[in-house]
Each structure stands twice: as C-alpha cells, then as structure tokens.
C-alpha cells in the first residue's frame, strides 16, 4: 500500500511560497510551485484551495496574481497543514459492515476505534510540535 504524499506536497508548497517571497520574486504562482513539486499546476491549485479555506494562504487576483502565506511560517505547524488537507482519519473501518453474527465481525470495530483514535491523536500531537519555519530551515540545511 502506497503512502499518502499530500502532507509532503502541501509542506513543499508552503515553504516554497515563503522562500519565493524571501528572495524577492513576488507572489508565488501555482505554476511556479508545481515546477518545484514536479506536478501539474491544477494539483497545486486544489491543494492550495483547501489551505486557503483553512486560513493558511491567501490568493491574489490581478496583476500580482498568485499565492501568499496568511501568516508567518513560524505560526504554521504541520498539524495545521495536516488538518487543512486531510479531512479523513488515518485509518477507517470496513467499507461494508462485517458479519455481525461472527464473534470477530461483531467485535472488531469496537476494539479498533479507540486504537485508531489514540494513533490519530499521537500523530496530531507530533505534527503540532513542528513549524514550517523549522521545515524550511531543515530544507535549506540539506543544500
């Protein structure tokens, strides 16, 4: 099973937007972000649209059209990003109800729900400890 890369792409996009601003290249475009991510600009626009809805970025229209951060990278955590782009829980129950006449089928979901809730909260708590400013610092240190 492949992992979900949306958090990585979202963090990439936001840190790229900030670096773009810092070097004085103006408002970031979906095309510019997409070039760095190596994906289609439509993918970036959809992702940034969800982050705009969560208050992480603003979009501008007109001559200086593009994307800007809604607040400093120091004030945006990976949890903020995760919650903006991942509305679904990490783990889900069966797509169809299991056989409730079976001892395992009737008990698996009640047994797994609290486990999944603890895992989800642990992930959120860990992501809350890391700001995008730290991510950008670490990205630049890799060069």
Protein backbone atom coordinates (compact mmCIF):
# COMPACT_ATOMS: atom_id res chain seq x y z
CA UNK A 1 0.00 0.00 0.00
CA UNK A 2 1.40 3.39 -1.01
CA UNK A 3 1.59 6.21 1.49
CA UNK A 4 -0.27 9.48 1.12
CA UNK A 5 2.02 12.28 -0.08
CA UNK A 6 -0.39 15.21 0.31
CA UNK A 7 1.14 16.49 3.57
CA UNK A 8 4.60 16.43 1.98
CA UNK A 9 3.37 18.25 -1.13
CA UNK A 10 1.49 20.81 0.98
CA UNK A 11 4.55 21.49 3.18
CA UNK A 12 6.65 21.73 0.00
CA UNK A 13 4.23 24.27 -1.49
CA UNK A 14 4.05 26.47 1.60
CA UNK A 15 7.80 26.53 2.21
CA UNK A 16 8.39 27.25 -1.49
CA UNK A 17 5.95 30.18 -1.34
CA UNK A 18 7.85 31.62 1.62
CA UNK A 19 11.29 31.13 0.07
CA UNK A 20 10.00 32.69 -3.16
CA UNK A 21 8.88 35.73 -1.14
CA UNK A 22 12.17 35.97 0.75
CA UNK A 23 14.27 36.10 -2.40
CA UNK A 24 12.06 38.89 -3.72
CA UNK A 25 10.42 37.12 -6.63
CA UNK A 26 6.94 38.44 -5.81
CA UNK A 27 3.74 36.50 -5.43
CA UNK A 28 4.05 32.76 -5.97
CA UNK A 29 2.09 31.19 -8.81
CA UNK A 30 0.62 27.72 -8.99
CA UNK A 31 2.85 27.11 -11.99
CA UNK A 32 5.97 28.05 -10.03
CA UNK A 33 5.06 25.82 -7.10
CA UNK A 34 4.12 22.99 -9.49
CA UNK A 35 7.51 23.28 -11.19
CA UNK A 36 9.26 22.75 -7.86
CA UNK A 37 6.97 19.88 -6.84
CA UNK A 38 7.13 18.42 -10.36
CA UNK A 39 3.38 18.10 -10.73
CA UNK A 40 0.51 19.71 -12.60
CA UNK A 41 -0.49 23.24 -11.51
CA UNK A 42 -4.09 22.04 -11.14
CA UNK A 43 -2.96 19.67 -8.37
CA UNK A 44 -1.30 22.60 -6.60
CA UNK A 45 -4.33 24.89 -7.04
CA UNK A 46 -6.61 22.28 -5.48
CA UNK A 47 -4.27 21.76 -2.55
CA UNK A 48 -3.75 25.49 -2.03
CA UNK A 49 -7.52 26.00 -2.29
CA UNK A 50 -8.02 23.70 0.71
CA UNK A 51 -5.29 25.54 2.58
CA UNK A 52 -6.92 28.86 1.69
CA UNK A 53 -10.19 27.57 3.15
CA UNK A 54 -8.28 26.74 6.35
CA UNK A 55 -6.74 30.23 6.51
CA UNK A 56 -3.16 29.23 5.74
CA UNK A 57 -2.80 31.09 2.43
CA UNK A 58 -4.48 33.89 0.51
CA UNK A 59 -4.91 34.07 -3.23
CA UNK A 60 -4.50 37.31 -5.12
CA UNK A 61 -6.04 38.26 -8.42
CA UNK A 62 -4.97 40.82 -10.96
CA UNK A 63 -1.51 42.00 -11.94
CA UNK A 64 0.18 40.41 -8.90
CA UNK A 65 -1.92 37.22 -9.02
CA UNK A 66 -0.81 34.21 -7.06
CA UNK A 67 -0.48 32.85 -3.56
CA UNK A 68 0.85 34.31 -0.31
CA UNK A 69 1.00 32.93 3.19
CA UNK A 70 -1.76 34.12 5.51
CA UNK A 71 0.61 34.12 8.48
CA UNK A 72 4.33 33.63 9.12
CA UNK A 73 5.84 30.15 8.75
CA UNK A 74 6.71 30.28 12.46
CA UNK A 75 2.98 30.33 13.19
CA UNK A 76 2.04 27.39 10.94
CA UNK A 77 2.55 23.87 12.21
CA UNK A 78 2.48 20.64 10.27
CA UNK A 79 -0.69 19.87 12.25
CA UNK A 80 -2.31 22.99 10.79
CA UNK A 81 -1.40 21.79 7.32
CA UNK A 82 -2.48 18.21 8.02
CA UNK A 83 -5.87 19.33 9.31
CA UNK A 84 -6.36 21.57 6.27
CA UNK A 85 -5.70 18.86 3.71
CA UNK A 86 -6.53 15.55 5.41
CA UNK A 87 -10.17 15.65 6.49
CA UNK A 88 -10.34 11.86 6.68
CA UNK A 89 -8.91 9.87 9.57
CA UNK A 90 -5.69 7.94 9.08
CA UNK A 91 -7.49 4.61 9.39
CA UNK A 92 -11.02 3.61 8.53
CA UNK A 93 -13.34 0.77 9.31
CA UNK A 94 -14.60 -1.73 6.77
CA UNK A 95 -16.28 -0.28 3.68
CA UNK A 96 -19.21 -2.64 4.29
CA UNK A 97 -20.35 -3.82 7.71
CA UNK A 98 -18.66 -7.06 8.76
CA UNK A 99 -20.70 -10.13 9.61
CA UNK A 100 -22.25 -9.18 12.96
CA UNK A 101 -23.15 -12.83 13.53
CA UNK A 102 -19.45 -13.67 13.75
CA UNK A 103 -17.66 -13.10 17.09
CA UNK A 104 -14.80 -11.28 15.32
CA UNK A 105 -17.07 -9.43 12.92
CA UNK A 106 -19.22 -8.10 15.75
CA UNK A 107 -16.29 -7.02 17.91
CA UNK A 108 -13.59 -5.79 15.55
CA UNK A 109 -14.84 -2.25 15.08
CA UNK A 110 -15.44 -1.50 18.77
CA UNK A 111 -11.99 -2.93 19.50
CA UNK A 112 -10.20 -0.91 16.81
CA UNK A 113 -11.90 2.50 17.21
CA UNK A 114 -10.07 3.50 20.42
CA UNK A 115 -6.76 2.27 18.99
CA UNK A 116 -7.22 4.41 15.90
CA UNK A 117 -8.27 7.40 17.99
CA UNK A 118 -5.08 7.16 20.07
CA UNK A 119 -2.89 6.81 16.97
CA UNK A 120 -4.58 9.78 15.29
CA UNK A 121 -4.09 11.96 18.37
CA UNK A 122 -0.43 10.92 18.64
CA UNK A 123 0.14 11.91 15.00
CA UNK A 124 -1.59 15.27 15.51
CA UNK A 125 0.37 15.95 18.70
CA UNK A 126 3.68 15.21 16.98
CA UNK A 127 2.82 17.35 13.96
CA UNK A 128 1.85 20.22 16.28
CA UNK A 129 5.46 20.33 17.53
CA UNK A 130 6.94 21.19 14.12
CA UNK A 131 6.56 24.56 12.41
CA UNK A 132 7.00 25.19 8.73
CA UNK A 133 9.81 27.58 9.66
CA UNK A 134 11.67 24.54 11.02
CA UNK A 135 10.88 22.61 7.85
CA UNK A 136 12.26 25.41 5.67
CA UNK A 137 15.36 25.66 7.89
CA UNK A 138 15.96 21.92 7.53
CA UNK A 139 15.30 22.02 3.78
CA UNK A 140 17.88 24.78 3.31
CA UNK A 141 20.37 22.90 5.52
CA UNK A 142 20.22 19.96 3.08
CA UNK A 143 21.82 22.07 0.36
